[in-house]
Amino acid sequence: MKILTKSLRNRILKLQSDFLRQNILKNKIFHIDITPFLKVILKRVKKGGYMKKISFLLLTLFVLPCICLFAGCGETFDYTVKAGESIQAVIDAAETGKSILIKAGTYNEQITISNKKLTIMGEDGTIISGPEDYSNLTLWEREAGDTTGHSSQGMYGIVRILAGADVTIKKLTIKSELARTDSVDNNAGRSAGVFVANSRLEMMDVKVSGFRLKNEKFGIQTGYGLYVGGANASTIIIDKCEFVGFQKGGVYALTTNSDVTVKNSTIQGAGDTDLIAQNGICACGKVAIQNNTFKNLKYLPDGTSACAILLKSSVNQDNITGNKFENVQVQKDVY
C-alpha cells in the first residue's frame, strides 16, 4: 500500500506542477502562491493513515485546480504589452474579438479603440496616464445629432472608445496627471479620463482618477471620470470600479439614448469645496444605479448644491436602489 500511495503522490504532484506552470506562472496575473498549502498536504500525506492519504491526495487533484480555475488562472491572452511598449500599437494591430494583457507599469499615451471588439486587462500596478504633453491629446469633434447639450465643444479623453467599438476593460488604473492638465485647450473641449461615443464599454475593477485642473481653474465646467457622448446609442456597464479626483463629475451620460449601469462602485468627490458643485452620476437615458457608495460631494456656497445622483426628469428611477451616501449634500435630484 505504501508503494501505491507513493506512486499516486508523485503522479499527482507532477500533475499539479504542470498545471501551475502552464496557468499561473505563464500569465502571472493573479500572483497566486499555493506552495504553503501544498506543503501542508504533503506533510499530512506522509503522517496520515491510508484514508487520510487518499483524502488529501484527492483534495490536491480535484479541489486545487478548481480554485485556480475560478480565480482566473486559466485565462490566456492573445497579445501582451510590456512596460515601455505602446498599448496603442498593439490595439491597432489586434484583430477584433481578441484580448490584450497590459503588464504592470505606467503608460504615457492616449488610447483610442474604434470599431473593434477587444478585452483589455491590466496587472496590479498598470496605469494609463495620457501623453507626457496633454496638448497632444486628440480632440473628438462633436457630431451632428449629439444630445449632450454642451454647446459645440468636443471631448478629450485619456482612454477613448469610439465608432461602434465593444470593449471590456479590467483591473487597471486610468489616471490624469494634474501637472499636465494646464496644456489642455478647455475652449475646444471638455476632458475625461474615459470618453465613450456610439459604442459599448464594460469596466470591471478599474480605478479612474481625474480628469481635473489645478485649483485656480477648478470652477470650469469640465473634468469627468467617464463621459458618454455621440449621436448614436452607447451602452455602459460599470462594476466594482472607483471614480476619484474628478473635477465636475464621476460618470456623465447626457445622451438621451444611452444605457448606463453603475453597480458596486465608489464615486468620491473633493469634499467640502467652494470651487465647483460636483455630481457623482448624471444621466438622462436608461439607467441602473445599484449598490454604490457616494462620498464627499458637498458645495459650500448657497444657491447651488452638489448631488450624488442627478437625473433628467424623464428618467425611470425604478433601478436606482441600494446606494449609500457619506458626506453628500443632495443624494438624488432631477433637472
Protein backbone atom coordinates (compact mmCIF):
# COMPACT_ATOMS: atom_id res chain seq x y z
CA MET A 1 0.00 0.00 0.00
CA LYS A 2 2.91 2.37 0.72
CA ILE A 3 4.25 1.81 -2.82
CA LEU A 4 0.82 2.60 -4.27
CA THR A 5 0.45 5.72 -2.15
CA LYS A 6 3.93 6.96 -3.06
CA SER A 7 3.26 6.37 -6.73
CA LEU A 8 -0.05 8.22 -6.55
CA ARG A 9 1.56 11.06 -4.66
CA ASN A 10 4.33 11.51 -7.21
CA ARG A 11 1.87 11.40 -10.10
CA ILE A 12 -0.42 13.95 -8.51
CA LEU A 13 2.46 16.29 -7.68
CA LYS A 14 3.59 16.16 -11.30
CA LEU A 15 0.08 16.99 -12.49
CA GLN A 16 -0.09 19.89 -10.06
CA SER A 17 3.33 21.16 -11.11
CA ASP A 18 2.35 21.06 -14.77
CA PHE A 19 -0.94 22.80 -14.04
CA LEU A 20 0.72 25.58 -12.05
CA ARG A 21 3.45 26.10 -14.64
CA GLN A 22 1.04 26.22 -17.56
CA ASN A 23 -1.51 28.51 -15.94
CA ILE A 24 -0.28 30.60 -13.03
CA LEU A 25 3.35 31.05 -13.98
CA LYS A 26 2.57 31.59 -17.65
CA ASN A 27 0.49 34.73 -17.20
CA LYS A 28 1.48 35.89 -13.69
CA ILE A 29 -1.77 37.79 -13.42
CA PHE A 30 -3.16 36.86 -10.06
CA HIS A 31 0.12 36.06 -8.28
CA ILE A 32 -1.45 33.11 -6.50
CA ASP A 33 1.02 31.17 -4.36
CA ILE A 34 -0.40 27.89 -3.12
CA THR A 35 3.00 26.39 -2.27
CA PRO A 36 2.37 26.59 1.51
CA PHE A 37 -0.91 24.73 1.02
CA LEU A 38 0.84 22.03 -0.98
CA LYS A 39 3.48 21.63 1.75
CA VAL A 40 0.77 21.10 4.35
CA ILE A 41 -0.85 18.46 2.14
CA LEU A 42 2.45 16.60 1.69
CA LYS A 43 3.08 16.68 5.42
CA ARG A 44 -0.35 15.24 6.14
CA VAL A 45 0.09 12.59 3.44
CA LYS A 46 3.35 11.39 5.00
CA LYS A 47 1.97 11.25 8.54
CA GLY A 48 -1.62 10.15 7.99
CA GLY A 49 -3.18 6.75 7.66
CA TYR A 50 -4.44 5.21 4.43
CA MET A 51 -7.78 7.05 4.33
CA LYS A 52 -6.19 10.39 5.22
CA LYS A 53 -3.64 9.90 2.46
CA ILE A 54 -6.31 9.17 -0.11
CA SER A 55 -8.45 12.13 1.08
CA PHE A 56 -5.63 14.65 0.87
CA LEU A 57 -4.45 13.32 -2.46
CA LEU A 58 -7.95 13.65 -3.89
CA LEU A 59 -8.15 17.17 -2.48
CA THR A 60 -4.93 18.05 -4.23
CA LEU A 61 -6.04 16.51 -7.50
CA PHE A 62 -9.55 17.99 -7.74
CA VAL A 63 -10.02 20.92 -5.39
CA LEU A 64 -6.90 22.97 -6.09
CA PRO A 65 -7.37 23.02 -9.87
CA CYS A 66 -10.95 24.20 -9.28
CA ILE A 67 -9.70 27.01 -7.03
CA CYS A 68 -7.22 28.11 -9.66
CA LEU A 69 -9.77 27.86 -12.43
CA PHE A 70 -12.34 30.04 -10.67
CA ALA A 71 -9.62 32.53 -9.72
CA GLY A 72 -8.90 33.02 -13.39
CA CYS A 73 -5.57 31.21 -13.55
CA GLY A 74 -6.56 29.56 -16.80
CA GLU A 75 -7.18 32.86 -18.60
CA THR A 76 -4.89 33.42 -21.55
CA PHE A 77 -4.38 36.44 -23.80
CA ASP A 78 -3.79 36.93 -27.49
CA TYR A 79 -1.43 39.88 -27.02
CA THR A 80 0.77 41.18 -24.22
CA VAL A 81 2.06 44.73 -23.74
CA LYS A 82 5.15 45.17 -21.58
CA ALA A 83 6.26 48.32 -19.78
CA GLY A 84 7.93 50.65 -22.28
CA GLU A 85 5.91 49.30 -25.20
CA SER A 86 2.94 51.02 -26.85
CA ILE A 87 -0.57 49.91 -25.93
CA GLN A 88 -1.97 51.77 -28.92
CA ALA A 89 0.32 49.93 -31.33
CA VAL A 90 -0.98 46.60 -30.04
CA ILE A 91 -4.59 47.80 -30.22
CA ASP A 92 -4.09 48.89 -33.83
CA ALA A 93 -2.57 45.52 -34.73
CA ALA A 94 -5.08 43.40 -32.82
CA GLU A 95 -7.87 41.61 -34.62
CA THR A 96 -11.40 42.18 -33.39
CA GLY A 97 -12.51 39.72 -30.72
CA LYS A 98 -9.02 39.37 -29.24
CA SER A 99 -7.70 40.01 -25.72
CA ILE A 100 -4.77 42.09 -24.50
CA LEU A 101 -2.84 41.84 -21.23
CA ILE A 102 -1.05 45.03 -20.13
CA LYS A 103 1.86 44.32 -17.81
CA ALA A 104 2.48 46.46 -14.74
CA GLY A 105 3.89 49.90 -15.43
CA THR A 106 2.89 53.47 -16.27
CA TYR A 107 1.95 54.08 -19.91
CA ASN A 108 2.15 57.71 -21.01
CA GLU A 109 -0.17 57.63 -24.01
CA GLN A 110 -3.72 58.29 -25.10
CA ILE A 111 -5.62 55.13 -26.00
CA THR A 112 -8.26 55.01 -28.73
CA ILE A 113 -10.30 51.95 -29.70
CA SER A 114 -12.58 52.31 -32.72
CA ASN A 115 -14.87 49.78 -34.35
CA LYS A 116 -13.31 46.73 -32.66
CA LYS A 117 -14.31 44.24 -30.02
CA LEU A 118 -11.46 43.87 -27.53
CA THR A 119 -10.86 42.77 -23.94
CA ILE A 120 -8.10 44.66 -22.14
CA MET A 121 -6.80 43.64 -18.74
CA GLY A 122 -4.06 45.03 -16.54
CA GLU A 123 -1.87 43.64 -13.81
CA ASP A 124 -1.60 45.20 -10.37
CA GLY A 125 0.24 48.47 -10.97
CA THR A 126 -0.91 49.05 -14.55
CA ILE A 127 -1.56 52.79 -15.08
CA ILE A 128 -2.60 54.62 -18.25
CA SER A 129 -1.94 58.34 -17.74
CA GLY A 130 -2.14 60.00 -21.16
CA PRO A 131 0.70 61.58 -23.14
CA GLU A 132 3.57 63.45 -21.48
CA ASP A 133 2.19 66.66 -23.02
CA TYR A 134 -1.59 66.91 -22.78
CA SER A 135 -1.66 69.38 -25.65
CA ASN A 136 -1.13 66.25 -27.75
CA LEU A 137 -4.45 64.74 -26.66
CA THR A 138 -6.62 64.17 -29.72
CA LEU A 139 -9.94 66.02 -29.62
CA TRP A 140 -13.18 64.23 -30.51
CA GLU A 141 -15.27 66.63 -32.57
CA ARG A 142 -18.88 66.78 -31.54
CA GLU A 143 -21.24 65.11 -34.03
CA ALA A 144 -24.42 66.44 -35.55
CA GLY A 145 -27.28 64.94 -33.54
CA ASP A 146 -25.28 64.69 -30.31
CA THR A 147 -27.78 65.23 -27.49
CA THR A 148 -25.41 66.04 -24.62
CA GLY A 149 -26.32 69.72 -24.74
CA HIS A 150 -22.80 71.05 -24.21
CA SER A 151 -22.73 73.71 -26.95
CA SER A 152 -20.30 72.88 -29.72
CA GLN A 153 -17.47 71.57 -27.57
CA GLY A 154 -15.67 68.37 -28.39
CA MET A 155 -14.20 65.95 -25.85
CA TYR A 156 -10.74 64.91 -24.78
CA GLY A 157 -10.20 61.53 -23.19
CA ILE A 158 -7.19 59.61 -21.93
CA VAL A 159 -8.99 56.41 -22.98
CA ARG A 160 -11.46 56.76 -25.87
CA ILE A 161 -13.98 54.14 -27.02
CA LEU A 162 -15.43 55.21 -30.38
CA ALA A 163 -17.28 54.33 -33.57
CA GLY A 164 -19.10 51.13 -32.67
CA ALA A 165 -16.36 49.61 -30.52
CA ASP A 166 -17.23 46.88 -28.00
CA VAL A 167 -14.63 46.95 -25.24
CA THR A 168 -14.14 45.29 -21.86
CA ILE A 169 -11.54 46.84 -19.54
CA LYS A 170 -10.46 45.12 -16.32
CA LYS A 171 -8.11 45.61 -13.40
CA LEU A 172 -6.16 48.76 -14.25
CA THR A 173 -5.93 52.46 -13.37
CA ILE A 174 -6.69 55.36 -15.70
CA LYS A 175 -5.17 58.48 -14.20
CA SER A 176 -4.84 62.07 -15.37
CA GLU A 177 -1.73 63.89 -14.18
CA LEU A 178 -2.59 67.25 -12.60
CA ALA A 179 0.75 68.76 -13.59
CA ARG A 180 -0.03 68.18 -17.28
CA THR A 181 -3.59 69.50 -17.44
CA ASP A 182 -2.65 73.17 -17.96
CA SER A 183 -1.81 72.37 -21.57
CA VAL A 184 -5.38 71.26 -22.38
CA ASP A 185 -7.39 73.68 -24.54
CA ASN A 186 -10.55 73.96 -22.44
CA ASN A 187 -12.17 76.24 -25.02
CA ALA A 188 -12.06 73.46 -27.61
CA GLY A 189 -13.39 70.65 -25.50
CA ARG A 190 -14.14 69.15 -22.15
CA SER A 191 -11.97 66.43 -20.66
CA ALA A 192 -12.50 62.98 -19.16
CA GLY A 193 -10.48 60.03 -18.01
CA VAL A 194 -12.65 57.81 -20.23
CA PHE A 195 -14.73 59.05 -23.15
CA VAL A 196 -17.26 56.85 -24.96
CA ALA A 197 -19.18 57.67 -28.14
CA ASN A 198 -21.53 55.38 -30.10
CA SER A 199 -20.04 52.25 -28.50
CA ARG A 200 -20.27 49.65 -25.77
CA LEU A 201 -17.95 49.66 -22.77
CA GLU A 202 -17.81 47.31 -19.81
CA MET A 203 -15.43 48.17 -16.96
CA MET A 204 -14.66 45.91 -14.01
CA ASP A 205 -12.24 46.62 -11.15
CA VAL A 206 -11.00 49.80 -12.80
CA LYS A 207 -9.90 52.95 -10.96
CA VAL A 208 -10.39 56.24 -12.79
CA SER A 209 -8.54 59.15 -11.19
CA GLY A 210 -9.35 62.51 -12.76
CA PHE A 211 -9.80 64.38 -15.01
CA ARG A 212 -9.28 67.71 -13.18
CA LEU A 213 -7.48 71.05 -13.47
CA LYS A 214 -5.49 72.97 -10.90
CA ASN A 215 -7.42 74.81 -8.18
CA GLU A 216 -7.42 78.18 -9.92
CA LYS A 217 -9.30 76.51 -12.80
CA PHE A 218 -11.34 74.12 -10.70
CA GLY A 219 -14.56 76.05 -11.32
CA ILE A 220 -14.51 75.40 -15.08
CA GLN A 221 -17.30 73.01 -16.09
CA THR A 222 -15.03 70.20 -17.25
CA GLY A 223 -13.24 67.19 -15.82
CA TYR A 224 -15.07 63.86 -15.63
CA GLY A 225 -14.19 60.33 -14.68
CA LEU A 226 -16.24 58.87 -17.54
CA TYR A 227 -18.23 60.84 -20.13
CA VAL A 228 -20.65 59.49 -22.75
CA GLY A 229 -21.32 61.45 -25.94
CA GLY A 230 -22.21 60.89 -29.57
CA ALA A 231 -25.33 60.91 -31.71
CA ASN A 232 -25.97 57.16 -31.50
CA ALA A 233 -26.68 54.81 -28.60
CA SER A 234 -23.95 53.74 -26.19
CA THR A 235 -24.12 51.03 -23.55
CA ILE A 236 -22.02 51.36 -20.40
CA ILE A 237 -21.64 48.70 -17.69
CA ILE A 238 -19.55 49.64 -14.67
CA ASP A 239 -18.96 47.12 -11.89
CA LYS A 240 -16.66 47.32 -8.86
CA CYS A 241 -14.95 50.47 -10.11
CA GLU A 242 -13.72 53.61 -8.36
CA PHE A 243 -14.01 57.21 -9.57
CA VAL A 244 -11.94 59.80 -7.68
CA GLY A 245 -10.11 63.05 -8.36
CA PHE A 246 -12.57 64.35 -10.95
CA GLN A 247 -13.49 67.99 -11.34
CA LYS A 248 -17.15 68.23 -12.34
CA GLY A 249 -18.50 64.67 -12.25
CA GLY A 250 -17.76 61.00 -11.78
CA VAL A 251 -19.95 59.50 -14.52
CA TYR A 252 -21.79 61.71 -17.03
CA ALA A 253 -24.10 60.22 -19.65
CA LEU A 254 -26.20 63.04 -21.05
CA THR A 255 -27.08 61.41 -24.36
CA THR A 256 -30.77 60.58 -24.32
CA ASN A 257 -30.22 57.20 -25.98
CA SER A 258 -27.54 55.94 -23.58
CA ASP A 259 -27.99 52.83 -21.42
CA VAL A 260 -25.86 53.06 -18.29
CA THR A 261 -25.42 50.59 -15.45
CA VAL A 262 -23.25 51.50 -12.46
CA LYS A 263 -23.11 48.97 -9.63
CA ASN A 264 -20.94 48.04 -6.65
CA SER A 265 -18.73 51.06 -7.26
CA THR A 266 -17.41 54.10 -5.38
CA ILE A 267 -17.73 57.70 -6.56
CA GLN A 268 -15.78 60.10 -4.37
CA GLY A 269 -15.64 63.88 -4.76
CA ALA A 270 -13.37 66.57 -3.34
CA GLY A 271 -15.38 67.03 -0.14
CA ASP A 272 -16.44 70.45 1.19
CA THR A 273 -15.46 72.93 -1.52
CA ASP A 274 -16.42 76.37 -2.78
CA LEU A 275 -14.76 75.82 -6.16
CA ILE A 276 -17.34 73.72 -8.05
CA ALA A 277 -20.59 71.85 -7.48
CA GLN A 278 -19.63 68.26 -8.20
CA ASN A 279 -22.04 65.49 -9.16
CA GLY A 280 -21.47 61.76 -8.77
CA ILE A 281 -23.58 60.37 -11.63
CA CYS A 282 -25.56 62.48 -14.09
CA ALA A 283 -27.72 60.75 -16.70
CA CYS A 284 -30.72 61.30 -18.94
CA GLY A 285 -31.20 57.96 -20.70
CA LYS A 286 -31.84 54.48 -19.35
CA VAL A 287 -30.05 53.90 -16.04
CA ALA A 288 -29.45 51.28 -13.35
CA ILE A 289 -27.57 52.66 -10.33
CA GLN A 290 -27.29 49.99 -7.67
CA ASN A 291 -25.29 49.28 -4.52
CA ASN A 292 -22.79 52.11 -4.98
CA THR A 293 -21.13 54.33 -2.39
CA PHE A 294 -21.09 58.09 -2.93
CA LYS A 295 -18.70 60.16 -0.83
CA ASN A 296 -17.63 63.77 -0.27
CA LEU A 297 -19.90 65.65 -2.66
CA LYS A 298 -20.58 69.00 -0.99
CA TYR A 299 -20.65 72.53 -2.39
CA LEU A 300 -20.42 75.27 0.25
CA PRO A 301 -21.88 78.43 -1.39
CA ASP A 302 -25.62 78.99 -1.20
CA GLY A 303 -27.86 78.56 -4.20
CA THR A 304 -26.24 75.52 -5.82
CA SER A 305 -25.78 72.00 -4.49
CA ALA A 306 -23.55 69.04 -5.18
CA CYS A 307 -25.56 65.92 -5.95
CA ALA A 308 -24.74 62.24 -5.83
CA ILE A 309 -27.30 61.19 -8.47
CA LEU A 310 -28.64 63.83 -10.86
CA LEU A 311 -31.18 62.71 -13.45
CA LYS A 312 -33.30 64.22 -16.18
CA SER A 313 -36.92 64.29 -15.05
CA SER A 314 -37.92 61.76 -17.73
CA VAL A 315 -35.60 59.05 -16.40
CA ASN A 316 -37.22 55.91 -14.94
CA GLN A 317 -35.84 55.55 -11.40
CA ASP A 318 -37.01 52.00 -10.65
CA ASN A 319 -33.46 50.61 -10.93
CA ILE A 320 -31.85 53.06 -8.53
CA THR A 321 -31.52 51.01 -5.35
CA GLY A 322 -29.18 50.06 -2.51
CA ASN A 323 -26.86 53.08 -2.72
CA LYS A 324 -25.00 54.55 0.27
CA PHE A 325 -24.17 58.22 0.86
CA GLU A 326 -21.42 59.71 3.03
CA ASN A 327 -20.91 63.48 3.37
CA VAL A 328 -23.19 64.11 0.40
CA GLN A 329 -25.15 67.35 0.09
CA VAL A 330 -28.03 66.01 -2.03
CA GLN A 331 -28.49 62.27 -2.54
CA LYS A 332 -30.74 62.39 -5.61
CA ASP A 333 -32.31 65.14 -7.70
CA VAL A 334 -33.84 65.79 -11.14
CA TYR A 335 -33.42 68.59 -13.63
